[in-house]
């Protein structure tokens, strides 16, 4: 575990339960039956944020924005949410007294090589989206390696230093979420967790995005479409490969699948493209499961004198900043990275185990296809 001096934002001023200054639209006296939060540990379990949202007729995310003052909403919607919270005697959930926390900090635990993490624009965009929702909180970024979480990391996360934890990347310790939950620390996964884990998570629709990319290549008249897949033991890698295979089956072409694997990095994409051309010289299109691997494929094609898109069309995934400046411009699948970070932080307010928030993707067509 490598704690990094990466702290975004300013500390939140200490405070208790949020006030509700707006009276109900029907004139009900303000907070007439709201509980006294002086002793949160003694407060019996109450309604959830989802129940408040349902009563107000809004989404849980909107209710969270109102109750946490994290983003502007209309006065009419704010009044409905605040009234519903009063009527249900909703009190923001807090940990038991022994582990009560209001630190003003959220931990973002990234399971990745520290140099690669900071060189990749994806996590920076995630953090920007998260900070947009909680501008009054600090985001404490920690990097951790694969395998079981180190005791120092577990002690820090469970020791009352943070109000919640976002898990980013390929976390290899199935016990970690349970340890956090047992300590009363809200936890959300950025990316679909393993099937054995009932954990609230936020993800992009990787399967549909990959399927749309391959279908676009079919419509363009490409007949030997290969893929450079990501690591199959990651949710994104598995889902994007499944989308490729499903699109090939849609076109009645499942037997012509041509797959090489990379690690989402540029160099692995270059090597995978060379392997594909060696095994399948007639490849006329390739869908890469990341923009970085697609950029590596472009280098390999250029080295071998293959023209893009005349000889081989290329599509990536992410819509990273480099995709627009590539030569030729890289057609790609855009995933809403900032929104992923924002929704993950919102989900921390009420991380119901097993709840999934899946955001749509869409194609950005440029010159490589």
Protein backbone atom coordinates (compact mmCIF):
# COMPACT_ATOMS: atom_id res chain seq x y z
CA UNK A 1 0.00 0.00 0.00
CA UNK A 2 1.44 3.31 -1.05
CA UNK A 3 -0.39 6.33 0.39
CA UNK A 4 0.08 9.18 -2.07
CA UNK A 5 0.06 12.91 -1.33
CA UNK A 6 -2.96 13.28 -3.58
CA UNK A 7 -5.63 15.11 -1.61
CA UNK A 8 -8.25 17.02 -3.53
CA UNK A 9 -10.57 19.65 -2.09
CA UNK A 10 -10.89 21.23 1.32
CA UNK A 11 -11.97 19.69 4.65
CA UNK A 12 -15.66 19.85 5.39
CA UNK A 13 -16.71 21.83 8.44
CA UNK A 14 -17.87 19.51 11.24
CA UNK A 15 -21.58 19.14 11.58
CA UNK A 16 -24.40 16.78 12.38
CA UNK A 17 -27.63 15.95 10.63
CA UNK A 18 -28.47 18.34 7.81
CA UNK A 19 -31.07 21.02 8.63
CA UNK A 20 -34.37 21.14 6.77
CA UNK A 21 -35.26 24.84 6.52
CA UNK A 22 -37.97 24.53 3.87
CA UNK A 23 -41.52 23.79 5.05
CA UNK A 24 -43.55 21.07 3.34
CA UNK A 25 -45.57 22.29 0.36
CA UNK A 26 -48.78 21.56 2.28
CA UNK A 27 -47.71 23.78 5.19
CA UNK A 28 -46.77 21.03 7.66
CA UNK A 29 -44.69 22.60 10.47
CA UNK A 30 -40.97 22.34 9.86
CA UNK A 31 -39.44 19.07 11.21
CA UNK A 32 -42.29 18.57 13.65
CA UNK A 33 -41.57 14.88 13.99
CA UNK A 34 -37.91 14.73 12.96
CA UNK A 35 -35.73 12.70 15.40
CA UNK A 36 -33.20 14.32 17.65
CA UNK A 37 -29.77 13.27 16.31
CA UNK A 38 -27.92 14.10 19.49
CA UNK A 39 -27.21 10.42 20.05
CA UNK A 40 -27.00 8.77 16.60
CA UNK A 41 -25.92 5.43 18.08
CA UNK A 42 -29.18 5.15 20.03
CA UNK A 43 -31.37 5.95 17.03
CA UNK A 44 -33.16 2.78 15.84
CA UNK A 45 -32.80 1.76 12.19
CA UNK A 46 -34.91 4.07 10.08
CA UNK A 47 -35.94 4.57 6.49
CA UNK A 48 -33.39 4.42 3.71
CA UNK A 49 -32.44 7.08 1.22
CA UNK A 50 -34.19 5.01 -1.45
CA UNK A 51 -37.47 5.20 0.52
CA UNK A 52 -37.15 8.96 0.84
CA UNK A 53 -36.54 9.21 -2.90
CA UNK A 54 -39.56 7.02 -3.69
CA UNK A 55 -41.84 9.10 -1.46
CA UNK A 56 -40.62 12.30 -3.13
CA UNK A 57 -40.94 10.81 -6.61
CA UNK A 58 -37.26 11.33 -7.52
CA UNK A 59 -34.17 9.15 -7.99
CA UNK A 60 -31.91 8.22 -5.08
CA UNK A 61 -29.15 10.28 -6.69
CA UNK A 62 -31.36 13.40 -6.71
CA UNK A 63 -32.41 12.82 -3.10
CA UNK A 64 -28.73 12.48 -2.17
CA UNK A 65 -27.90 15.77 -3.87
CA UNK A 66 -30.64 17.57 -1.94
CA UNK A 67 -29.90 16.09 1.49
CA UNK A 68 -26.13 16.51 1.16
CA UNK A 69 -26.28 19.93 -0.55
CA UNK A 70 -23.84 18.51 -3.12
CA UNK A 71 -25.36 19.92 -6.31
CA UNK A 72 -28.07 22.44 -7.22
CA UNK A 73 -31.61 21.23 -7.85
CA UNK A 74 -34.85 23.12 -8.38
CA UNK A 75 -36.57 24.59 -5.33
CA UNK A 76 -39.69 22.49 -5.99
CA UNK A 77 -37.75 19.19 -6.03
CA UNK A 78 -35.70 20.19 -2.99
CA UNK A 79 -38.90 20.94 -1.06
CA UNK A 80 -40.38 17.54 -1.99
CA UNK A 81 -37.29 15.65 -0.88
CA UNK A 82 -36.92 17.57 2.39
CA UNK A 83 -40.60 17.10 3.17
CA UNK A 84 -40.36 13.35 2.48
CA UNK A 85 -37.33 13.10 4.76
CA UNK A 86 -39.21 14.83 7.58
CA UNK A 87 -42.34 12.76 7.15
CA UNK A 88 -40.30 9.53 7.27
CA UNK A 89 -38.06 10.81 10.09
CA UNK A 90 -35.08 10.08 7.89
CA UNK A 91 -31.67 10.57 9.50
CA UNK A 92 -28.48 10.21 7.49
CA UNK A 93 -26.93 6.87 8.38
CA UNK A 94 -23.88 6.93 10.57
CA UNK A 95 -21.64 4.20 11.90
CA UNK A 96 -22.13 2.85 15.45
CA UNK A 97 -20.75 5.00 18.24
CA UNK A 98 -17.61 2.89 18.56
CA UNK A 99 -16.62 3.69 14.98
CA UNK A 100 -18.59 6.90 14.34
CA UNK A 101 -16.92 9.09 11.79
CA UNK A 102 -17.48 12.41 10.10
CA UNK A 103 -14.01 12.98 8.76
CA UNK A 104 -14.86 14.84 5.56
CA UNK A 105 -12.68 12.40 3.60
CA UNK A 106 -13.38 9.62 1.12
CA UNK A 107 -10.73 7.03 0.26
CA UNK A 108 -10.19 6.01 -3.36
CA UNK A 109 -8.24 2.73 -3.33
CA UNK A 110 -6.72 1.99 -6.73
CA UNK A 111 -5.40 -1.51 -7.33
CA UNK A 112 -2.82 -0.66 -9.95
CA UNK A 113 0.86 0.03 -10.48
CA UNK A 114 1.48 3.50 -9.07
CA UNK A 115 3.30 4.86 -12.14
CA UNK A 116 0.72 3.50 -14.56
CA UNK A 117 -2.11 4.82 -12.41
CA UNK A 118 -0.82 8.37 -12.54
CA UNK A 119 0.09 8.20 -16.24
CA UNK A 120 -3.42 7.06 -17.21
CA UNK A 121 -6.01 9.85 -17.74
CA UNK A 122 -8.87 7.51 -16.77
CA UNK A 123 -8.43 7.69 -12.95
CA UNK A 124 -7.88 11.44 -13.10
CA UNK A 125 -11.22 11.84 -14.86
CA UNK A 126 -12.87 9.55 -12.29
CA UNK A 127 -11.55 11.72 -9.47
CA UNK A 128 -12.75 14.88 -11.21
CA UNK A 129 -16.25 13.45 -11.46
CA UNK A 130 -16.26 12.38 -7.83
CA UNK A 131 -15.02 15.76 -6.64
CA UNK A 132 -17.79 17.46 -8.60
CA UNK A 133 -20.37 15.79 -6.34
CA UNK A 134 -18.55 16.34 -3.02
CA UNK A 135 -16.58 19.59 -3.42
CA UNK A 136 -16.46 20.00 0.36
CA UNK A 137 -14.67 16.69 0.96
CA UNK A 138 -11.15 15.42 0.52
CA UNK A 139 -10.44 12.52 -1.84
CA UNK A 140 -7.55 10.52 -0.39
CA UNK A 141 -6.01 8.36 -3.12
CA UNK A 142 -4.23 5.15 -2.13
CA UNK A 143 -2.63 2.60 -4.45
CA UNK A 144 -2.39 -1.07 -3.58
CA UNK A 145 -0.96 -4.12 -5.30
CA UNK A 146 -2.73 -7.37 -6.19
CA UNK A 147 -3.47 -10.07 -3.66
CA UNK A 148 -4.68 -9.77 -0.06
CA UNK A 149 -4.91 -6.24 1.30
CA UNK A 150 -2.06 -5.38 3.63
CA UNK A 151 -2.94 -4.99 7.31
CA UNK A 152 -1.80 -1.35 7.22
CA UNK A 153 -4.33 -0.58 4.49
CA UNK A 154 -7.16 -2.34 6.34
CA UNK A 155 -6.28 -0.59 9.60
CA UNK A 156 -6.32 2.81 7.92
CA UNK A 157 -9.61 2.28 6.07
CA UNK A 158 -11.39 0.80 9.09
CA UNK A 159 -9.82 3.09 11.67
CA UNK A 160 -12.24 6.02 11.48
CA UNK A 161 -10.13 8.08 9.07
CA UNK A 162 -12.57 8.12 6.12
CA UNK A 163 -16.35 8.27 5.63
CA UNK A 164 -16.41 5.81 2.72
CA UNK A 165 -14.27 3.82 0.31
CA UNK A 166 -14.29 3.54 -3.49
CA UNK A 167 -12.53 0.45 -4.86
CA UNK A 168 -11.03 1.01 -8.32
CA UNK A 169 -9.45 -1.62 -10.55
CA UNK A 170 -8.80 -5.32 -10.13
CA UNK A 171 -9.01 -5.82 -6.37
CA UNK A 172 -7.79 -9.30 -5.62
CA UNK A 173 -8.85 -9.64 -1.98
CA UNK A 174 -12.43 -10.92 -1.68
CA UNK A 175 -12.34 -10.34 2.08
CA UNK A 176 -11.72 -6.59 1.88
CA UNK A 177 -15.31 -5.41 1.22
CA UNK A 178 -16.61 -7.55 4.08
CA UNK A 179 -14.03 -6.14 6.46
CA UNK A 180 -15.05 -2.60 5.53
CA UNK A 181 -18.75 -3.34 5.89
CA UNK A 182 -18.20 -5.01 9.26
CA UNK A 183 -16.42 -1.85 10.43
CA UNK A 184 -19.39 0.27 9.35
CA UNK A 185 -17.53 1.86 6.42
CA UNK A 186 -19.65 2.35 3.27
CA UNK A 187 -17.95 0.78 0.24
CA UNK A 188 -18.66 0.94 -3.50
CA UNK A 189 -16.85 -0.72 -6.40
CA UNK A 190 -16.04 1.23 -9.55
CA UNK A 191 -16.55 -1.57 -12.01
CA UNK A 192 -18.56 -4.76 -11.71
CA UNK A 193 -17.23 -6.86 -8.82
CA UNK A 194 -16.70 -10.63 -9.01
CA UNK A 195 -19.90 -12.66 -9.01
CA UNK A 196 -19.13 -13.93 -5.52
CA UNK A 197 -19.35 -10.39 -4.14
CA UNK A 198 -22.67 -8.69 -3.37
CA UNK A 199 -21.34 -5.17 -3.48
CA UNK A 200 -22.86 -1.92 -4.69
CA UNK A 201 -21.11 -0.86 -7.87
CA UNK A 202 -21.09 1.57 -10.78
CA UNK A 203 -20.03 0.54 -14.27
CA UNK A 204 -20.30 1.45 -17.95
CA UNK A 205 -22.28 -0.75 -20.34
CA UNK A 206 -19.15 -2.42 -21.71
CA UNK A 207 -20.94 -5.25 -23.49
CA UNK A 208 -23.32 -3.03 -25.47
CA UNK A 209 -20.52 -0.61 -26.33
CA UNK A 210 -18.33 -3.36 -27.78
CA UNK A 211 -21.25 -4.85 -29.65
CA UNK A 212 -22.08 -1.49 -31.24
CA UNK A 213 -18.46 -1.02 -32.34
CA UNK A 214 -18.28 -4.39 -34.08
CA UNK A 215 -21.68 -3.90 -35.71
CA UNK A 216 -20.42 -0.58 -37.11
CA UNK A 217 -17.50 -2.43 -38.70
CA UNK A 218 -19.89 -4.95 -40.24
CA UNK A 219 -22.03 -2.17 -41.69
CA UNK A 220 -18.90 -0.64 -43.19
CA UNK A 221 -18.36 -3.85 -45.17
CA UNK A 222 -15.56 -5.36 -43.06
CA UNK A 223 -15.56 -9.13 -43.19
CA UNK A 224 -12.55 -10.31 -41.15
CA UNK A 225 -12.96 -8.49 -37.84
CA UNK A 226 -10.54 -9.28 -35.03
CA UNK A 227 -10.41 -8.05 -31.45
CA UNK A 228 -7.64 -7.15 -29.05
CA UNK A 229 -9.28 -8.11 -25.78
CA UNK A 230 -8.41 -6.94 -22.29
CA UNK A 231 -7.48 -9.28 -19.43
CA UNK A 232 -10.24 -11.90 -19.22
CA UNK A 233 -10.14 -11.87 -15.41
CA UNK A 234 -11.37 -8.26 -15.35
CA UNK A 235 -15.05 -7.36 -15.68
CA UNK A 236 -14.37 -4.80 -18.41
CA UNK A 237 -12.17 -7.19 -20.36
CA UNK A 238 -14.69 -10.03 -20.12
CA UNK A 239 -17.70 -7.86 -20.99
CA UNK A 240 -16.07 -6.19 -24.00
CA UNK A 241 -14.98 -9.57 -25.34
CA UNK A 242 -18.53 -10.88 -24.82
CA UNK A 243 -19.86 -7.89 -26.77
CA UNK A 244 -17.49 -8.66 -29.65
CA UNK A 245 -18.52 -12.32 -29.73
CA UNK A 246 -22.21 -11.44 -29.59
CA UNK A 247 -21.88 -9.01 -32.50
CA UNK A 248 -20.08 -11.65 -34.54
CA UNK A 249 -22.92 -14.07 -33.79
CA UNK A 250 -25.47 -11.39 -34.75
CA UNK A 251 -23.91 -11.35 -38.21
CA UNK A 252 -23.87 -15.14 -38.49
CA UNK A 253 -20.09 -15.13 -38.26
CA UNK A 254 -19.17 -16.65 -34.84
CA UNK A 255 -16.66 -19.09 -36.32
CA UNK A 256 -14.57 -16.22 -37.73
CA UNK A 257 -13.72 -14.71 -34.36
CA UNK A 258 -10.04 -13.76 -34.11
CA UNK A 259 -8.89 -12.86 -30.59
CA UNK A 260 -5.58 -11.71 -29.12
CA UNK A 261 -5.18 -10.50 -25.54
CA UNK A 262 -3.51 -7.45 -24.05
CA UNK A 263 -3.36 -5.75 -20.66
CA UNK A 264 -5.15 -2.51 -21.70
CA UNK A 265 -1.73 -0.89 -22.27
CA UNK A 266 -0.34 0.47 -25.53
CA UNK A 267 2.62 -1.89 -25.86
CA UNK A 268 0.43 -4.96 -25.38
CA UNK A 269 -1.87 -3.67 -28.13
CA UNK A 270 1.04 -3.38 -30.53
CA UNK A 271 2.20 -6.93 -29.83
CA UNK A 272 -1.35 -8.29 -30.09
CA UNK A 273 -1.85 -6.63 -33.48
CA UNK A 274 1.32 -8.23 -34.80
CA UNK A 275 0.15 -11.65 -33.57
CA UNK A 276 -3.24 -11.21 -35.22
CA UNK A 277 -1.72 -10.27 -38.58
CA UNK A 278 0.63 -13.22 -38.38
CA UNK A 279 -2.21 -15.68 -37.71
CA UNK A 280 -4.91 -13.97 -39.81
CA UNK A 281 -3.29 -12.04 -42.68
CA UNK A 282 -6.71 -11.17 -44.13
CA UNK A 283 -7.82 -9.12 -41.10
CA UNK A 284 -9.49 -5.94 -42.36
CA UNK A 285 -10.73 -4.51 -39.05
CA UNK A 286 -9.88 -4.68 -35.36
CA UNK A 287 -11.81 -3.70 -32.26
CA UNK A 288 -9.47 -2.99 -29.34
CA UNK A 289 -10.84 -3.07 -25.78
CA UNK A 290 -9.04 0.17 -24.86
CA UNK A 291 -7.84 3.26 -26.68
CA UNK A 292 -4.30 2.59 -25.48
CA UNK A 293 -4.30 -0.85 -27.11
CA UNK A 294 -5.83 0.65 -30.25
CA UNK A 295 -2.98 3.19 -30.39
CA UNK A 296 -0.51 0.31 -30.17
CA UNK A 297 -2.36 -1.43 -33.01
CA UNK A 298 -2.04 1.72 -35.14
CA UNK A 299 1.73 1.69 -34.61
CA UNK A 300 1.97 -1.97 -35.65
CA UNK A 301 -0.10 -1.38 -38.77
CA UNK A 302 2.00 1.63 -39.74
CA UNK A 303 5.21 -0.37 -39.28
CA UNK A 304 3.92 -3.08 -41.63
CA UNK A 305 2.70 -0.63 -44.24
CA UNK A 306 -1.00 -1.32 -43.67
CA UNK A 307 -3.13 1.76 -44.32
CA UNK A 308 -5.80 2.83 -41.83
CA UNK A 309 -8.68 2.67 -42.60
CA UNK A 310 -8.16 1.60 -46.24
CA UNK A 311 -6.59 -1.75 -45.43
CA UNK A 312 -7.54 -2.17 -41.76
CA UNK A 313 -10.13 -0.21 -39.78
CA UNK A 314 -9.51 0.33 -36.06
CA UNK A 315 -11.90 1.09 -33.19
CA UNK A 316 -10.91 1.61 -29.56
CA UNK A 317 -12.77 1.96 -26.26
CA UNK A 318 -12.77 4.85 -23.73
CA UNK A 319 -12.62 8.04 -25.86
CA UNK A 320 -9.45 9.13 -24.07
CA UNK A 321 -7.95 12.54 -24.93
CA UNK A 322 -5.39 10.80 -27.15
CA UNK A 323 -8.11 9.33 -29.37
CA UNK A 324 -8.98 12.74 -30.86
CA UNK A 325 -5.36 13.68 -31.57
CA UNK A 326 -4.30 10.34 -33.07
CA UNK A 327 -3.44 10.18 -36.78
CA UNK A 328 -5.82 9.14 -38.14
CA UNK A 329 -8.36 10.19 -35.52
CA UNK A 330 -9.43 7.12 -33.57
CA UNK A 331 -13.03 5.93 -33.73
CA UNK A 332 -13.88 4.77 -30.23
CA UNK A 333 -16.57 3.89 -27.71
CA UNK A 334 -17.05 6.72 -25.23
CA UNK A 335 -17.76 5.80 -21.65
CA UNK A 336 -18.88 8.57 -19.26
CA UNK A 337 -15.83 8.46 -17.00
CA UNK A 338 -16.60 11.59 -14.96
CA UNK A 339 -20.18 10.42 -14.45
CA UNK A 340 -18.91 7.06 -13.21
CA UNK A 341 -16.95 8.83 -10.48
CA UNK A 342 -19.90 11.08 -9.62
CA UNK A 343 -22.42 8.26 -9.39
CA UNK A 344 -20.05 6.14 -7.29
CA UNK A 345 -19.81 8.88 -4.67
CA UNK A 346 -23.58 9.32 -4.71
CA UNK A 347 -24.00 5.57 -4.23
CA UNK A 348 -21.81 5.76 -1.11
CA UNK A 349 -24.68 7.57 0.61
CA UNK A 350 -26.74 4.37 0.56
CA UNK A 351 -24.62 1.44 -0.76
CA UNK A 352 -27.21 -1.33 -0.83
CA UNK A 353 -25.36 -4.65 -1.37
CA UNK A 354 -25.79 -5.90 -4.92
CA UNK A 355 -27.13 -2.64 -6.28
CA UNK A 356 -25.80 -1.85 -9.76
CA UNK A 357 -25.73 1.47 -11.61
CA UNK A 358 -24.83 0.89 -15.28
CA UNK A 359 -24.26 3.96 -17.46
CA UNK A 360 -24.67 3.93 -21.26
CA UNK A 361 -21.85 4.21 -23.80
CA UNK A 362 -21.92 5.53 -27.36
CA UNK A 363 -19.77 5.53 -30.47
CA UNK A 364 -17.59 8.46 -31.50
CA UNK A 365 -16.78 8.06 -35.20
CA UNK A 366 -13.50 9.48 -36.51
CA UNK A 367 -11.17 8.72 -39.41
CA UNK A 368 -9.84 5.29 -38.37
CA UNK A 369 -13.05 3.54 -39.39
